[in-house]
Amino acid sequence: MISIAELCEHLQSAWLSRAISESTWGYPIVGAIHVLAMVAFAGAALPIDLGNELRWFRRLGLSLVLSTGLLLFASGASGYYEKTFFRIKMGLLVLLALNAVAGSRSGHRKMHIAIALVLWAAVIFAARGIAFF
């Protein structure tokens, strides 16, 4: 059976991962798109009173965030996997997903929105921690 560390090494050695990490502009461009997608996703998710008019924009933003995040991870998977702040960030993202599911089935919408804002702020700090620790 393959370990997670070995899986990360295989992912990191894939041609697309190497192309991003070995390119002068690959990682910065994917990183910039990742940040812009997060802003677009957050901007579409925050106006609660607009209802479903922005659903397509939310889906596009979330798709871009996930795909660029995966590309960024793949370009240095072995190193990211070992970082504590990366693991914290992944745990916070799981909590965000659980909060979103719970919020969609609960009458306490404002509470779940507040929890989501706190969790997103924590994700941002954890992401910065990945870069510096």
N, C-alpha and C. Protein backbone atom coordinates (compact mmCIF):
# COMPACT_ATOMS: atom_id res chain seq x y z
N MET A 1 0.84 -1.17 0.00
CA MET A 1 0.00 0.00 0.00
C MET A 1 0.89 1.24 0.00
N ILE A 2 0.49 2.24 -0.76
CA ILE A 2 1.27 3.47 -0.90
C ILE A 2 0.94 4.43 0.25
N SER A 3 1.97 5.05 0.80
CA SER A 3 1.76 6.00 1.89
C SER A 3 1.37 7.36 1.32
N ILE A 4 0.87 8.23 2.18
CA ILE A 4 0.49 9.58 1.74
C ILE A 4 1.73 10.33 1.27
N ALA A 5 2.84 10.15 1.97
CA ALA A 5 4.08 10.83 1.57
C ALA A 5 4.52 10.38 0.18
N GLU A 6 4.41 9.08 -0.12
CA GLU A 6 4.76 8.57 -1.45
C GLU A 6 3.79 9.09 -2.50
N LEU A 7 2.52 9.17 -2.15
CA LEU A 7 1.52 9.72 -3.07
C LEU A 7 1.84 11.18 -3.40
N CYS A 8 2.25 11.94 -2.39
CA CYS A 8 2.64 13.34 -2.59
C CYS A 8 3.85 13.44 -3.52
N GLU A 9 4.82 12.53 -3.35
CA GLU A 9 5.99 12.53 -4.23
C GLU A 9 5.60 12.24 -5.68
N HIS A 10 4.68 11.28 -5.88
CA HIS A 10 4.22 10.97 -7.24
C HIS A 10 3.48 12.16 -7.84
N LEU A 11 2.63 12.78 -7.06
CA LEU A 11 1.88 13.95 -7.53
C LEU A 11 2.83 15.09 -7.89
N GLN A 12 3.83 15.30 -7.07
CA GLN A 12 4.80 16.37 -7.31
C GLN A 12 5.66 16.10 -8.53
N SER A 13 5.86 14.84 -8.89
CA SER A 13 6.71 14.51 -10.04
C SER A 13 5.93 14.45 -11.35
N ALA A 14 4.62 14.66 -11.31
CA ALA A 14 3.80 14.66 -12.53
C ALA A 14 4.23 15.83 -13.42
N TRP A 15 4.04 15.70 -14.71
CA TRP A 15 4.54 16.71 -15.65
C TRP A 15 3.93 18.09 -15.40
N LEU A 16 2.65 18.17 -15.08
CA LEU A 16 2.02 19.46 -14.85
C LEU A 16 2.56 20.11 -13.57
N SER A 17 2.75 19.31 -12.55
CA SER A 17 3.32 19.82 -11.29
C SER A 17 4.72 20.37 -11.52
N ARG A 18 5.52 19.62 -12.24
CA ARG A 18 6.88 20.07 -12.54
C ARG A 18 6.87 21.31 -13.41
N ALA A 19 5.95 21.36 -14.38
CA ALA A 19 5.88 22.52 -15.26
C ALA A 19 5.58 23.78 -14.46
N ILE A 20 4.71 23.68 -13.48
CA ILE A 20 4.37 24.84 -12.65
C ILE A 20 5.53 25.22 -11.75
N SER A 21 6.11 24.24 -11.08
CA SER A 21 7.16 24.55 -10.11
C SER A 21 8.48 24.95 -10.76
N GLU A 22 8.76 24.46 -11.96
CA GLU A 22 10.03 24.75 -12.61
C GLU A 22 9.95 25.98 -13.51
N SER A 23 8.77 26.48 -13.76
CA SER A 23 8.58 27.64 -14.61
C SER A 23 8.82 28.93 -13.81
N THR A 24 9.32 29.92 -14.48
CA THR A 24 9.53 31.22 -13.83
C THR A 24 8.20 31.85 -13.46
N TRP A 25 7.19 31.72 -14.33
CA TRP A 25 5.92 32.39 -14.12
C TRP A 25 4.78 31.46 -13.74
N GLY A 26 4.98 30.16 -13.81
CA GLY A 26 3.90 29.21 -13.55
C GLY A 26 3.29 29.34 -12.17
N TYR A 27 4.12 29.23 -11.15
CA TYR A 27 3.61 29.29 -9.78
C TYR A 27 3.01 30.66 -9.45
N PRO A 28 3.68 31.76 -9.79
CA PRO A 28 3.07 33.08 -9.49
C PRO A 28 1.73 33.31 -10.20
N ILE A 29 1.62 32.84 -11.44
CA ILE A 29 0.36 33.04 -12.17
C ILE A 29 -0.75 32.20 -11.55
N VAL A 30 -0.48 30.95 -11.26
CA VAL A 30 -1.50 30.09 -10.64
C VAL A 30 -1.86 30.64 -9.25
N GLY A 31 -0.87 31.11 -8.51
CA GLY A 31 -1.12 31.70 -7.20
C GLY A 31 -1.99 32.94 -7.29
N ALA A 32 -1.73 33.80 -8.28
CA ALA A 32 -2.52 35.01 -8.46
C ALA A 32 -3.97 34.67 -8.83
N ILE A 33 -4.15 33.69 -9.70
CA ILE A 33 -5.50 33.26 -10.07
C ILE A 33 -6.21 32.69 -8.85
N HIS A 34 -5.48 31.96 -8.02
CA HIS A 34 -6.04 31.38 -6.79
C HIS A 34 -6.56 32.49 -5.87
N VAL A 35 -5.77 33.52 -5.67
CA VAL A 35 -6.19 34.63 -4.80
C VAL A 35 -7.37 35.37 -5.42
N LEU A 36 -7.32 35.65 -6.71
CA LEU A 36 -8.44 36.34 -7.37
C LEU A 36 -9.71 35.52 -7.31
N ALA A 37 -9.58 34.22 -7.47
CA ALA A 37 -10.76 33.34 -7.38
C ALA A 37 -11.34 33.35 -5.98
N MET A 38 -10.47 33.40 -4.95
CA MET A 38 -10.97 33.47 -3.57
C MET A 38 -11.74 34.77 -3.36
N VAL A 39 -11.23 35.87 -3.90
CA VAL A 39 -11.92 37.15 -3.77
C VAL A 39 -13.27 37.09 -4.49
N ALA A 40 -13.28 36.53 -5.69
CA ALA A 40 -14.53 36.42 -6.44
C ALA A 40 -15.53 35.52 -5.73
N PHE A 41 -15.04 34.40 -5.20
CA PHE A 41 -15.91 33.46 -4.49
C PHE A 41 -16.47 34.11 -3.23
N ALA A 42 -15.63 34.79 -2.47
CA ALA A 42 -16.09 35.45 -1.25
C ALA A 42 -17.05 36.58 -1.59
N GLY A 43 -16.75 37.34 -2.64
CA GLY A 43 -17.62 38.42 -3.05
C GLY A 43 -19.00 37.93 -3.48
N ALA A 44 -19.06 36.76 -4.07
CA ALA A 44 -20.34 36.20 -4.48
C ALA A 44 -21.07 35.54 -3.33
N ALA A 45 -20.32 35.08 -2.34
CA ALA A 45 -20.94 34.37 -1.22
C ALA A 45 -21.47 35.32 -0.15
N LEU A 46 -20.89 36.51 -0.02
CA LEU A 46 -21.29 37.41 1.05
C LEU A 46 -22.64 38.09 0.88
N PRO A 47 -23.04 38.54 -0.31
CA PRO A 47 -24.34 39.21 -0.42
C PRO A 47 -25.49 38.22 -0.25
N ILE A 48 -25.85 37.97 0.96
CA ILE A 48 -26.83 36.94 1.30
C ILE A 48 -28.21 37.25 0.72
N ASP A 49 -28.61 38.52 0.68
CA ASP A 49 -29.95 38.88 0.24
C ASP A 49 -30.17 38.73 -1.26
N LEU A 50 -29.13 38.50 -2.04
CA LEU A 50 -29.29 38.39 -3.48
C LEU A 50 -29.77 37.01 -3.91
N GLY A 51 -29.82 36.08 -2.99
CA GLY A 51 -30.37 34.77 -3.29
C GLY A 51 -29.55 33.98 -4.29
N ASN A 52 -30.22 33.41 -5.27
CA ASN A 52 -29.58 32.48 -6.20
C ASN A 52 -29.05 33.15 -7.46
N GLU A 53 -29.18 34.48 -7.58
CA GLU A 53 -28.72 35.15 -8.79
C GLU A 53 -27.22 34.96 -9.02
N LEU A 54 -26.47 34.80 -7.96
CA LEU A 54 -25.02 34.66 -8.08
C LEU A 54 -24.54 33.21 -7.94
N ARG A 55 -25.45 32.27 -8.02
CA ARG A 55 -25.07 30.86 -7.84
C ARG A 55 -24.00 30.43 -8.85
N TRP A 56 -24.16 30.81 -10.11
CA TRP A 56 -23.17 30.43 -11.13
C TRP A 56 -21.82 31.04 -10.82
N PHE A 57 -21.80 32.28 -10.30
CA PHE A 57 -20.56 32.95 -9.97
C PHE A 57 -19.88 32.27 -8.79
N ARG A 58 -20.68 31.84 -7.82
CA ARG A 58 -20.13 31.10 -6.67
C ARG A 58 -19.50 29.79 -7.13
N ARG A 59 -20.20 29.09 -8.00
CA ARG A 59 -19.68 27.80 -8.49
C ARG A 59 -18.40 27.99 -9.29
N LEU A 60 -18.37 29.03 -10.12
CA LEU A 60 -17.16 29.32 -10.89
C LEU A 60 -16.01 29.65 -9.94
N GLY A 61 -16.27 30.53 -8.98
CA GLY A 61 -15.23 30.90 -8.02
C GLY A 61 -14.72 29.71 -7.24
N LEU A 62 -15.65 28.89 -6.75
CA LEU A 62 -15.24 27.71 -5.98
C LEU A 62 -14.46 26.74 -6.86
N SER A 63 -14.87 26.56 -8.10
CA SER A 63 -14.15 25.66 -9.01
C SER A 63 -12.73 26.16 -9.25
N LEU A 64 -12.59 27.46 -9.46
CA LEU A 64 -11.25 28.03 -9.67
C LEU A 64 -10.39 27.93 -8.41
N VAL A 65 -10.99 28.19 -7.26
CA VAL A 65 -10.23 28.08 -5.99
C VAL A 65 -9.73 26.65 -5.80
N LEU A 66 -10.61 25.68 -6.01
CA LEU A 66 -10.22 24.28 -5.80
C LEU A 66 -9.19 23.82 -6.82
N SER A 67 -9.39 24.16 -8.10
CA SER A 67 -8.46 23.68 -9.13
C SER A 67 -7.09 24.35 -9.00
N THR A 68 -7.06 25.65 -8.75
CA THR A 68 -5.76 26.31 -8.60
C THR A 68 -5.08 25.90 -7.29
N GLY A 69 -5.87 25.68 -6.25
CA GLY A 69 -5.31 25.19 -4.99
C GLY A 69 -4.67 23.82 -5.17
N LEU A 70 -5.33 22.97 -5.92
CA LEU A 70 -4.77 21.64 -6.19
C LEU A 70 -3.48 21.76 -7.00
N LEU A 71 -3.45 22.65 -7.98
CA LEU A 71 -2.23 22.84 -8.77
C LEU A 71 -1.08 23.38 -7.92
N LEU A 72 -1.39 24.33 -7.04
CA LEU A 72 -0.36 24.86 -6.15
C LEU A 72 0.16 23.77 -5.22
N PHE A 73 -0.76 22.97 -4.68
CA PHE A 73 -0.35 21.87 -3.80
C PHE A 73 0.52 20.87 -4.57
N ALA A 74 0.07 20.50 -5.77
CA ALA A 74 0.78 19.48 -6.55
C ALA A 74 2.20 19.92 -6.88
N SER A 75 2.42 21.22 -7.05
CA SER A 75 3.75 21.68 -7.44
C SER A 75 4.78 21.52 -6.31
N GLY A 76 4.32 21.35 -5.09
CA GLY A 76 5.25 21.13 -3.97
C GLY A 76 4.64 20.24 -2.92
N ALA A 77 3.95 19.20 -3.35
CA ALA A 77 3.14 18.36 -2.47
C ALA A 77 3.90 17.80 -1.27
N SER A 78 5.11 17.31 -1.50
CA SER A 78 5.87 16.71 -0.39
C SER A 78 6.17 17.73 0.70
N GLY A 79 6.56 18.92 0.30
CA GLY A 79 6.86 19.96 1.27
C GLY A 79 5.62 20.46 1.99
N TYR A 80 4.52 20.65 1.25
CA TYR A 80 3.29 21.12 1.87
C TYR A 80 2.74 20.11 2.87
N TYR A 81 2.78 18.84 2.49
CA TYR A 81 2.22 17.79 3.34
C TYR A 81 2.87 17.77 4.72
N GLU A 82 4.14 18.11 4.79
CA GLU A 82 4.86 18.08 6.06
C GLU A 82 4.63 19.32 6.92
N LYS A 83 4.05 20.38 6.37
CA LYS A 83 3.89 21.63 7.11
C LYS A 83 2.64 21.60 8.00
N THR A 84 2.83 21.97 9.23
CA THR A 84 1.73 22.00 10.20
C THR A 84 0.64 22.96 9.77
N PHE A 85 1.02 24.13 9.27
CA PHE A 85 0.02 25.11 8.88
C PHE A 85 -0.82 24.63 7.68
N PHE A 86 -0.24 23.81 6.81
CA PHE A 86 -1.01 23.24 5.71
C PHE A 86 -2.09 22.31 6.27
N ARG A 87 -1.72 21.50 7.23
CA ARG A 87 -2.69 20.58 7.83
C ARG A 87 -3.77 21.35 8.59
N ILE A 88 -3.38 22.43 9.26
CA ILE A 88 -4.38 23.27 9.94
C ILE A 88 -5.34 23.86 8.91
N LYS A 89 -4.80 24.35 7.80
CA LYS A 89 -5.64 24.94 6.76
C LYS A 89 -6.63 23.91 6.21
N MET A 90 -6.17 22.71 5.97
CA MET A 90 -7.07 21.67 5.45
C MET A 90 -8.16 21.34 6.47
N GLY A 91 -7.80 21.28 7.74
CA GLY A 91 -8.79 21.04 8.79
C GLY A 91 -9.82 22.16 8.85
N LEU A 92 -9.37 23.40 8.72
CA LEU A 92 -10.30 24.53 8.71
C LEU A 92 -11.23 24.48 7.51
N LEU A 93 -10.72 24.06 6.36
CA LEU A 93 -11.57 23.94 5.16
C LEU A 93 -12.63 22.85 5.34
N VAL A 94 -12.27 21.78 6.02
CA VAL A 94 -13.26 20.74 6.33
C VAL A 94 -14.33 21.32 7.25
N LEU A 95 -13.92 22.08 8.26
CA LEU A 95 -14.89 22.72 9.16
C LEU A 95 -15.79 23.69 8.40
N LEU A 96 -15.23 24.41 7.43
CA LEU A 96 -16.04 25.31 6.61
C LEU A 96 -17.10 24.54 5.81
N ALA A 97 -16.70 23.42 5.25
CA ALA A 97 -17.65 22.61 4.49
C ALA A 97 -18.76 22.07 5.40
N LEU A 98 -18.38 21.60 6.58
CA LEU A 98 -19.38 21.10 7.53
C LEU A 98 -20.31 22.21 7.98
N ASN A 99 -19.76 23.40 8.20
CA ASN A 99 -20.58 24.55 8.59
C ASN A 99 -21.55 24.92 7.47
N ALA A 100 -21.10 24.85 6.24
CA ALA A 100 -21.98 25.18 5.10
C ALA A 100 -23.14 24.19 5.02
N VAL A 101 -22.85 22.92 5.21
CA VAL A 101 -23.91 21.91 5.19
C VAL A 101 -24.87 22.12 6.34
N ALA A 102 -24.33 22.34 7.52
CA ALA A 102 -25.17 22.57 8.70
C ALA A 102 -26.00 23.85 8.54
N GLY A 103 -25.40 24.89 7.97
CA GLY A 103 -26.09 26.15 7.79
C GLY A 103 -27.23 26.07 6.80
N SER A 104 -27.08 25.19 5.80
CA SER A 104 -28.14 25.05 4.81
C SER A 104 -29.33 24.28 5.36
N ARG A 105 -29.15 23.59 6.47
CA ARG A 105 -30.21 22.78 7.07
C ARG A 105 -30.67 23.32 8.40
N SER A 106 -30.25 24.54 8.73
CA SER A 106 -30.51 25.09 10.05
C SER A 106 -31.25 26.42 9.94
N GLY A 107 -31.98 26.75 10.99
CA GLY A 107 -32.65 28.03 11.05
C GLY A 107 -31.76 29.12 11.62
N HIS A 108 -30.53 28.80 11.97
CA HIS A 108 -29.60 29.74 12.59
C HIS A 108 -28.61 30.26 11.55
N ARG A 109 -29.13 30.82 10.48
CA ARG A 109 -28.31 31.24 9.35
C ARG A 109 -27.26 32.28 9.74
N LYS A 110 -27.64 33.27 10.53
CA LYS A 110 -26.69 34.32 10.91
C LYS A 110 -25.53 33.76 11.72
N MET A 111 -25.81 32.80 12.57
CA MET A 111 -24.74 32.18 13.36
C MET A 111 -23.76 31.45 12.43
N HIS A 112 -24.29 30.73 11.44
CA HIS A 112 -23.41 29.99 10.52
C HIS A 112 -22.61 30.94 9.64
N ILE A 113 -23.19 32.08 9.30
CA ILE A 113 -22.45 33.09 8.53
C ILE A 113 -21.30 33.63 9.37
N ALA A 114 -21.56 33.92 10.63
CA ALA A 114 -20.52 34.43 11.53
C ALA A 114 -19.40 33.38 11.70
N ILE A 115 -19.79 32.14 11.87
CA ILE A 115 -18.80 31.06 12.00
C ILE A 115 -17.97 30.97 10.73
N ALA A 116 -18.61 31.07 9.57
CA ALA A 116 -17.90 30.99 8.29
C ALA A 116 -16.89 32.13 8.16
N LEU A 117 -17.27 33.32 8.55
CA LEU A 117 -16.35 34.46 8.46
C LEU A 117 -15.12 34.25 9.35
N VAL A 118 -15.34 33.74 10.54
CA VAL A 118 -14.22 33.47 11.45
C VAL A 118 -13.33 32.37 10.88
N LEU A 119 -13.95 31.33 10.35
CA LEU A 119 -13.16 30.22 9.77
C LEU A 119 -12.38 30.69 8.55
N TRP A 120 -12.99 31.52 7.69
CA TRP A 120 -12.26 32.03 6.52
C TRP A 120 -11.07 32.88 6.93
N ALA A 121 -11.25 33.70 7.96
CA ALA A 121 -10.12 34.49 8.46
C ALA A 121 -9.01 33.56 8.95
N ALA A 122 -9.38 32.50 9.64
CA ALA A 122 -8.39 31.53 10.13
C ALA A 122 -7.69 30.83 8.97
N VAL A 123 -8.43 30.52 7.89
CA VAL A 123 -7.84 29.90 6.71
C VAL A 123 -6.78 30.83 6.10
N ILE A 124 -7.10 32.12 6.03
CA ILE A 124 -6.15 33.09 5.48
C ILE A 124 -4.87 33.13 6.32
N PHE A 125 -5.02 33.16 7.65
CA PHE A 125 -3.83 33.17 8.51
C PHE A 125 -3.04 31.87 8.39
N ALA A 126 -3.74 30.75 8.29
CA ALA A 126 -3.04 29.47 8.13
C ALA A 126 -2.29 29.44 6.79
N ALA A 127 -2.91 29.98 5.75
CA ALA A 127 -2.25 30.01 4.43
C ALA A 127 -0.97 30.85 4.48
N ARG A 128 -1.01 31.94 5.19
CA ARG A 128 0.20 32.76 5.34
C ARG A 128 1.23 32.00 6.17
N GLY A 129 0.77 31.23 7.14
CA GLY A 129 1.68 30.42 7.93
C GLY A 129 2.41 29.38 7.11
N ILE A 130 1.74 28.85 6.08
CA ILE A 130 2.38 27.88 5.19
C ILE A 130 3.59 28.51 4.52
N ALA A 131 3.44 29.76 4.11
CA ALA A 131 4.52 30.44 3.40
C ALA A 131 5.71 30.76 4.29
N PHE A 132 5.47 31.00 5.58
CA PHE A 132 6.54 31.50 6.43
C PHE A 132 7.06 30.50 7.46
N PHE A 133 6.37 29.39 7.68
CA PHE A 133 6.81 28.44 8.70
C PHE A 133 6.91 27.04 8.16
